[in-house]
PDB file of N, CA and C in Angstrom:
ATOM      1  N   MET A   1      16.772 -13.085  33.417  1.00  0.00           N
ATOM      2  CA  MET A   1      15.781 -13.127  32.367  1.00  0.00           C
ATOM      3  C   MET A   1      15.606 -14.572  31.908  1.00  0.00           C
ATOM      4  N   TRP A   2      14.409 -14.933  31.545  1.00  0.00           N
ATOM      5  CA  TRP A   2      14.084 -16.308  31.163  1.00  0.00           C
ATOM      6  C   TRP A   2      14.467 -16.582  29.713  1.00  0.00           C
ATOM      7  N   THR A   3      15.183 -17.677  29.503  1.00  0.00           N
ATOM      8  CA  THR A   3      15.515 -18.101  28.136  1.00  0.00           C
ATOM      9  C   THR A   3      14.866 -19.457  27.893  1.00  0.00           C
ATOM     10  N   PRO A   4      14.131 -19.562  26.793  1.00  0.00           N
ATOM     11  CA  PRO A   4      13.452 -20.840  26.537  1.00  0.00           C
ATOM     12  C   PRO A   4      14.446 -21.921  26.111  1.00  0.00           C
ATOM     13  N   GLY A   5      14.236 -23.097  26.664  1.00  0.00           N
ATOM     14  CA  GLY A   5      15.058 -24.240  26.299  1.00  0.00           C
ATOM     15  C   GLY A   5      14.483 -24.932  25.074  1.00  0.00           C
ATOM     16  N   PRO A   6      15.091 -26.026  24.659  1.00  0.00           N
ATOM     17  CA  PRO A   6      14.611 -26.732  23.463  1.00  0.00           C
ATOM     18  C   PRO A   6      13.183 -27.259  23.608  1.00  0.00           C
ATOM     19  N   LEU A   7      12.831 -27.757  24.781  1.00  0.00           N
ATOM     20  CA  LEU A   7      11.482 -28.285  24.988  1.00  0.00           C
ATOM     21  C   LEU A   7      10.438 -27.171  24.909  1.00  0.00           C
ATOM     22  N   GLU A   8      10.731 -26.018  25.498  1.00  0.00           N
ATOM     23  CA  GLU A   8       9.794 -24.900  25.444  1.00  0.00           C
ATOM     24  C   GLU A   8       9.608 -24.393  24.014  1.00  0.00           C
ATOM     25  N   ILE A   9      10.696 -24.358  23.239  1.00  0.00           N
ATOM     26  CA  ILE A   9      10.595 -23.911  21.847  1.00  0.00           C
ATOM     27  C   ILE A   9       9.727 -24.869  21.039  1.00  0.00           C
ATOM     28  N   ILE A  10       9.893 -26.175  21.261  1.00  0.00           N
ATOM     29  CA  ILE A  10       9.066 -27.167  20.553  1.00  0.00           C
ATOM     30  C   ILE A  10       7.601 -27.004  20.925  1.00  0.00           C
ATOM     31  N   ILE A  11       7.323 -26.782  22.180  1.00  0.00           N
ATOM     32  CA  ILE A  11       5.937 -26.595  22.619  1.00  0.00           C
ATOM     33  C   ILE A  11       5.337 -25.343  21.988  1.00  0.00           C
ATOM     34  N   ILE A  12       6.096 -24.257  21.936  1.00  0.00           N
ATOM     35  CA  ILE A  12       5.617 -23.017  21.332  1.00  0.00           C
ATOM     36  C   ILE A  12       5.344 -23.225  19.845  1.00  0.00           C
ATOM     37  N   LEU A  13       6.239 -23.923  19.146  1.00  0.00           N
ATOM     38  CA  LEU A  13       6.042 -24.177  17.717  1.00  0.00           C
ATOM     39  C   LEU A  13       4.817 -25.049  17.458  1.00  0.00           C
ATOM     40  N   VAL A  14       4.562 -26.035  18.311  1.00  0.00           N
ATOM     41  CA  VAL A  14       3.370 -26.880  18.158  1.00  0.00           C
ATOM     42  C   VAL A  14       2.105 -26.058  18.373  1.00  0.00           C
ATOM     43  N   ILE A  15       2.118 -25.182  19.353  1.00  0.00           N
ATOM     44  CA  ILE A  15       0.946 -24.327  19.606  1.00  0.00           C
ATOM     45  C   ILE A  15       0.706 -23.394  18.421  1.00  0.00           C
ATOM     46  N   VAL A  16       1.776 -22.821  17.858  1.00  0.00           N
ATOM     47  CA  VAL A  16       1.636 -21.943  16.688  1.00  0.00           C
ATOM     48  C   VAL A  16       1.072 -22.729  15.510  1.00  0.00           C
ATOM     49  N   LEU A  17       1.551 -23.959  15.320  1.00  0.00           N
ATOM     50  CA  LEU A  17       1.050 -24.795  14.228  1.00  0.00           C
ATOM     51  C   LEU A  17      -0.428 -25.103  14.413  1.00  0.00           C
ATOM     52  N   ILE A  18      -0.848 -25.370  15.629  1.00  0.00           N
ATOM     53  CA  ILE A  18      -2.265 -25.657  15.887  1.00  0.00           C
ATOM     54  C   ILE A  18      -3.119 -24.416  15.673  1.00  0.00           C
ATOM     55  N   VAL A  19      -2.657 -23.257  16.121  1.00  0.00           N
ATOM     56  CA  VAL A  19      -3.441 -22.031  16.023  1.00  0.00           C
ATOM     57  C   VAL A  19      -3.566 -21.558  14.576  1.00  0.00           C
ATOM     58  N   PHE A  20      -2.457 -21.515  13.841  1.00  0.00           N
ATOM     59  CA  PHE A  20      -2.485 -20.952  12.495  1.00  0.00           C
ATOM     60  C   PHE A  20      -2.711 -21.992  11.411  1.00  0.00           C
ATOM     61  N   GLY A  21      -2.364 -23.231  11.643  1.00  0.00           N
ATOM     62  CA  GLY A  21      -2.546 -24.278  10.657  1.00  0.00           C
ATOM     63  C   GLY A  21      -1.409 -24.309   9.651  1.00  0.00           C
ATOM     64  N   PRO A  22      -1.238 -25.438   8.993  1.00  0.00           N
ATOM     65  CA  PRO A  22      -0.104 -25.581   8.069  1.00  0.00           C
ATOM     66  C   PRO A  22      -0.233 -24.753   6.794  1.00  0.00           C
ATOM     67  N   LYS A  23      -1.436 -24.359   6.426  1.00  0.00           N
ATOM     68  CA  LYS A  23      -1.613 -23.587   5.189  1.00  0.00           C
ATOM     69  C   LYS A  23      -1.206 -22.132   5.357  1.00  0.00           C
ATOM     70  N   ARG A  24      -1.351 -21.588   6.549  1.00  0.00           N
ATOM     71  CA  ARG A  24      -1.045 -20.170   6.753  1.00  0.00           C
ATOM     72  C   ARG A  24       0.367 -19.911   7.246  1.00  0.00           C
ATOM     73  N   LEU A  25       1.101 -20.950   7.655  1.00  0.00           N
ATOM     74  CA  LEU A  25       2.450 -20.742   8.181  1.00  0.00           C
ATOM     75  C   LEU A  25       3.419 -20.159   7.149  1.00  0.00           C
ATOM     76  N   PRO A  26       3.429 -20.602   5.877  1.00  0.00           N
ATOM     77  CA  PRO A  26       4.349 -19.971   4.923  1.00  0.00           C
ATOM     78  C   PRO A  26       4.064 -18.484   4.721  1.00  0.00           C
ATOM     79  N   ASP A  27       2.783 -18.106   4.654  1.00  0.00           N
ATOM     80  CA  ASP A  27       2.427 -16.688   4.516  1.00  0.00           C
ATOM     81  C   ASP A  27       2.838 -15.903   5.755  1.00  0.00           C
ATOM     82  N   LEU A  28       2.681 -16.518   6.904  1.00  0.00           N
ATOM     83  CA  LEU A  28       3.063 -15.865   8.154  1.00  0.00           C
ATOM     84  C   LEU A  28       4.566 -15.636   8.203  1.00  0.00           C
ATOM     85  N   GLY A  29       5.344 -16.631   7.809  1.00  0.00           N
ATOM     86  CA  GLY A  29       6.800 -16.485   7.782  1.00  0.00           C
ATOM     87  C   GLY A  29       7.258 -15.461   6.769  1.00  0.00           C
ATOM     88  N   LYS A  30       6.588 -15.438   5.599  1.00  0.00           N
ATOM     89  CA  LYS A  30       6.949 -14.481   4.558  1.00  0.00           C
ATOM     90  C   LYS A  30       6.685 -13.053   5.018  1.00  0.00           C
ATOM     91  N   SER A  31       5.540 -12.827   5.622  1.00  0.00           N
ATOM     92  CA  SER A  31       5.216 -11.471   6.071  1.00  0.00           C
ATOM     93  C   SER A  31       6.103 -11.055   7.251  1.00  0.00           C
ATOM     94  N   LEU A  32       6.458 -12.001   8.111  1.00  0.00           N
ATOM     95  CA  LEU A  32       7.363 -11.695   9.214  1.00  0.00           C
ATOM     96  C   LEU A  32       8.744 -11.321   8.690  1.00  0.00           C
ATOM     97  N   GLY A  33       9.251 -12.059   7.713  1.00  0.00           N
ATOM     98  CA  GLY A  33      10.548 -11.747   7.120  1.00  0.00           C
ATOM     99  C   GLY A  33      10.543 -10.413   6.404  1.00  0.00           C
ATOM    100  N   ARG A  34       9.454 -10.119   5.688  1.00  0.00           N
ATOM    101  CA  ARG A  34       9.341  -8.835   4.981  1.00  0.00           C
ATOM    102  C   ARG A  34       9.325  -7.685   5.977  1.00  0.00           C
ATOM    103  N   GLY A  35       8.615  -7.849   7.073  1.00  0.00           N
ATOM    104  CA  GLY A  35       8.565  -6.810   8.096  1.00  0.00           C
ATOM    105  C   GLY A  35       9.912  -6.582   8.756  1.00  0.00           C
ATOM    106  N   MET A  36      10.631  -7.669   9.025  1.00  0.00           N
ATOM    107  CA  MET A  36      11.964  -7.530   9.623  1.00  0.00           C
ATOM    108  C   MET A  36      12.927  -6.849   8.655  1.00  0.00           C
ATOM    109  N   ARG A  37      12.829  -7.175   7.350  1.00  0.00           N
ATOM    110  CA  ARG A  37      13.694  -6.549   6.347  1.00  0.00           C
ATOM    111  C   ARG A  37      13.395  -5.063   6.232  1.00  0.00           C
ATOM    112  N   GLU A  38      12.110  -4.697   6.223  1.00  0.00           N
ATOM    113  CA  GLU A  38      11.738  -3.282   6.146  1.00  0.00           C
ATOM    114  C   GLU A  38      12.212  -2.530   7.375  1.00  0.00           C
ATOM    115  N   PHE A  39      12.096  -3.150   8.548  1.00  0.00           N
ATOM    116  CA  PHE A  39      12.562  -2.508   9.779  1.00  0.00           C
ATOM    117  C   PHE A  39      14.066  -2.283   9.731  1.00  0.00           C
ATOM    118  N   LYS A  40      14.805  -3.302   9.300  1.00  0.00           N
ATOM    119  CA  LYS A  40      16.263  -3.181   9.216  1.00  0.00           C
ATOM    120  C   LYS A  40      16.663  -2.091   8.228  1.00  0.00           C
ATOM    121  N   ASP A  41      15.975  -2.045   7.074  1.00  0.00           N
ATOM    122  CA  ASP A  41      16.284  -1.020   6.074  1.00  0.00           C
ATOM    123  C   ASP A  41      15.976   0.378   6.596  1.00  0.00           C
ATOM    124  N   SER A  42      14.903   0.513   7.359  1.00  0.00           N
ATOM    125  CA  SER A  42      14.566   1.837   7.880  1.00  0.00           C
ATOM    126  C   SER A  42      15.546   2.266   8.967  1.00  0.00           C
ATOM    127  N   VAL A  43      16.060   1.317   9.745  1.00  0.00           N
ATOM    128  CA  VAL A  43      17.014   1.651  10.793  1.00  0.00           C
ATOM    129  C   VAL A  43      18.367   2.022  10.191  1.00  0.00           C
ATOM    130  N   THR A  44      18.801   1.288   9.157  1.00  0.00           N
ATOM    131  CA  THR A  44      20.097   1.569   8.543  1.00  0.00           C
ATOM    132  C   THR A  44      20.036   2.738   7.573  1.00  0.00           C
ATOM    133  N   GLY A  45      18.856   3.177   7.200  1.00  0.00           N
ATOM    134  CA  GLY A  45      18.712   4.335   6.324  1.00  0.00           C
ATOM    135  C   GLY A  45      18.653   3.989   4.851  1.00  0.00           C
ATOM    136  N   LYS A  46      18.517   2.721   4.517  1.00  0.00           N
ATOM    137  CA  LYS A  46      18.418   2.328   3.115  1.00  0.00           C
ATOM    138  C   LYS A  46      16.980   2.474   2.650  1.00  0.00           C
ATOM    139  N   ASP A  47      16.824   3.016   1.439  1.00  0.00           N
ATOM    140  CA  ASP A  47      15.501   3.143   0.839  1.00  0.00           C
ATOM    141  C   ASP A  47      15.517   2.493  -0.528  1.00  0.00           C
ATOM    142  N   LYS A  48      14.342   2.135  -1.029  1.00  0.00           N
ATOM    143  CA  LYS A  48      14.259   1.600  -2.383  1.00  0.00           C
ATOM    144  C   LYS A  48      14.464   2.709  -3.406  1.00  0.00           C
ATOM    145  N   ASP A  49      14.277   3.967  -3.002  1.00  0.00           N
ATOM    146  CA  ASP A  49      14.454   5.092  -3.912  1.00  0.00           C
ATOM    147  C   ASP A  49      15.929   5.335  -4.227  1.00  0.00           C
ATOM    148  N   GLU A  50      16.834   4.813  -3.402  1.00  0.00           N
ATOM    149  CA  GLU A  50      18.258   5.055  -3.570  1.00  0.00           C
ATOM    150  C   GLU A  50      18.932   3.952  -4.371  1.00  0.00           C
ATOM    151  N   LEU A  51      18.272   3.418  -5.386  1.00  0.00           N
ATOM    152  CA  LEU A  51      18.854   2.372  -6.214  1.00  0.00           C
ATOM    153  C   LEU A  51      19.919   2.963  -7.119  1.00  0.00           C
ATOM    154  N   PRO A  52      20.947   2.199  -7.465  1.00  0.00           N
ATOM    155  CA  PRO A  52      21.981   2.706  -8.361  1.00  0.00           C
ATOM    156  C   PRO A  52      21.429   2.972  -9.758  1.00  0.00           C
ATOM    157  N   GLU A  53      22.088   3.855 -10.476  1.00  0.00           N
ATOM    158  CA  GLU A  53      21.641   4.254 -11.815  1.00  0.00           C
ATOM    159  C   GLU A  53      21.695   3.097 -12.798  1.00  0.00           C
ATOM    160  N   ALA A  54      22.668   2.213 -12.676  1.00  0.00           N
ATOM    161  CA  ALA A  54      22.857   1.131 -13.646  1.00  0.00           C
ATOM    162  C   ALA A  54      21.673   0.168 -13.655  1.00  0.00           C
ATOM    163  N   SER A  55      21.057  -0.064 -12.532  1.00  0.00           N
ATOM    164  CA  SER A  55      19.955  -1.018 -12.494  1.00  0.00           C
ATOM    165  C   SER A  55      18.680  -0.440 -13.097  1.00  0.00           C
ATOM    166  N   SER A  56      18.565   0.880 -13.139  1.00  0.00           N
ATOM    167  CA  SER A  56      17.351   1.474 -13.676  1.00  0.00           C
ATOM    168  C   SER A  56      17.433   1.722 -15.173  1.00  0.00           C
ATOM    169  N   ALA A  57      18.597   1.502 -15.781  1.00  0.00           N
ATOM    170  CA  ALA A  57      18.750   1.720 -17.216  1.00  0.00           C
ATOM    171  C   ALA A  57      17.963   0.660 -17.985  1.00  0.00           C
ATOM    172  N   GLU A  58      17.391   1.085 -19.105  1.00  0.00           N
ATOM    173  CA  GLU A  58      16.609   0.156 -19.910  1.00  0.00           C
ATOM    174  C   GLU A  58      17.538  -0.754 -20.689  1.00  0.00           C
ATOM    175  N   LYS A  59      17.135  -2.016 -20.783  1.00  0.00           N
ATOM    176  CA  LYS A  59      17.916  -2.977 -21.542  1.00  0.00           C
ATOM    177  C   LYS A  59      17.376  -3.012 -22.963  1.00  0.00           C
ATOM    178  N   PRO A  60      18.249  -3.038 -23.967  1.00  0.00           N
ATOM    179  CA  PRO A  60      17.768  -3.108 -25.345  1.00  0.00           C
ATOM    180  C   PRO A  60      17.157  -4.479 -25.622  1.00  0.00           C
ATOM    181  N   GLU A  61      16.156  -4.476 -26.512  1.00  0.00           N
ATOM    182  CA  GLU A  61      15.507  -5.728 -26.859  1.00  0.00           C
ATOM    183  C   GLU A  61      16.434  -6.549 -27.742  1.00  0.00           C
ATOM    184  N   PRO A  62      16.460  -7.858 -27.532  1.00  0.00           N
ATOM    185  CA  PRO A  62      17.330  -8.694 -28.364  1.00  0.00           C
ATOM    186  C   PRO A  62      16.809  -8.748 -29.800  1.00  0.00           C
ATOM    187  N   THR A  63      17.733  -8.775 -30.734  1.00  0.00           N
ATOM    188  CA  THR A  63      17.349  -8.845 -32.141  1.00  0.00           C
ATOM    189  C   THR A  63      17.560 -10.257 -32.640  1.00  0.00           C
ATOM    190  N   THR A  64      16.734 -10.664 -33.562  1.00  0.00           N
ATOM    191  CA  THR A  64      16.871 -12.001 -34.133  1.00  0.00           C
ATOM    192  C   THR A  64      17.535 -11.878 -35.496  1.00  0.00           C
ATOM    193  N   VAL A  65      18.463 -12.764 -35.744  1.00  0.00           N
ATOM    194  CA  VAL A  65      19.182 -12.764 -37.014  1.00  0.00           C
ATOM    195  C   VAL A  65      18.793 -14.018 -37.772  1.00  0.00           C
ATOM    196  N   THR A  66      18.336 -13.853 -39.008  1.00  0.00           N
ATOM    197  CA  THR A  66      17.966 -14.999 -39.833  1.00  0.00           C
ATOM    198  C   THR A  66      19.143 -15.328 -40.744  1.00  0.00           C
ATOM    199  N   PRO A  67      19.616 -16.564 -40.712  1.00  0.00           N
ATOM    200  CA  PRO A  67      20.729 -16.931 -41.595  1.00  0.00           C
ATOM    201  C   PRO A  67      20.343 -16.755 -43.064  1.00  0.00           C
ATOM    202  N   ALA A  68      21.354 -16.480 -43.902  1.00  0.00           N
ATOM    203  CA  ALA A  68      21.113 -16.231 -45.318  1.00  0.00           C
ATOM    204  C   ALA A  68      20.536 -17.438 -46.022  1.00  0.00           C
ATOM    205  N   SER A  69      20.855 -18.639 -45.524  1.00  0.00           N
ATOM    206  CA  SER A  69      20.349 -19.839 -46.190  1.00  0.00           C
ATOM    207  C   SER A  69      18.841 -20.003 -45.976  1.00  0.00           C
ATOM    208  N   GLU A  70      18.283 -19.417 -44.922  1.00  0.00           N
ATOM    209  CA  GLU A  70      16.852 -19.528 -44.668  1.00  0.00           C
ATOM    210  C   GLU A  70      16.049 -18.396 -45.271  1.00  0.00           C
ATOM    211  N   GLN A  71      16.693 -17.319 -45.724  1.00  0.00           N
ATOM    212  CA  GLN A  71      15.974 -16.203 -46.320  1.00  0.00           C
ATOM    213  C   GLN A  71      15.532 -16.581 -47.733  1.00  0.00           C
ATOM    214  N   LYS A  72      14.287 -16.279 -48.052  1.00  0.00           N
ATOM    215  CA  LYS A  72      13.749 -16.567 -49.386  1.00  0.00           C
ATOM    216  C   LYS A  72      13.487 -15.266 -50.099  1.00  0.00           C
ATOM    217  N   SER A  73      13.876 -15.179 -51.354  1.00  0.00           N
ATOM    218  CA  SER A  73      13.694 -13.950 -52.130  1.00  0.00           C
ATOM    219  C   SER A  73      12.480 -14.054 -53.003  1.00  0.00           C
TER     220      SER A  73
END
């Protein structure tokens, strides 16, 4: 089976850069990574629906305390 060497990889990357352009490469990489992550999760059986209970609990809103010296009667 053919394995690309360093020169072939550089040539392929230059062709990809010319075809897609520098503005679309980050979006292309992001969507490729997202697709690979979804594929891996589907193969291993992990779903987003199976999140632990602790992460779905609501966090209480922080309360502000005014010092007594700043309170005016």
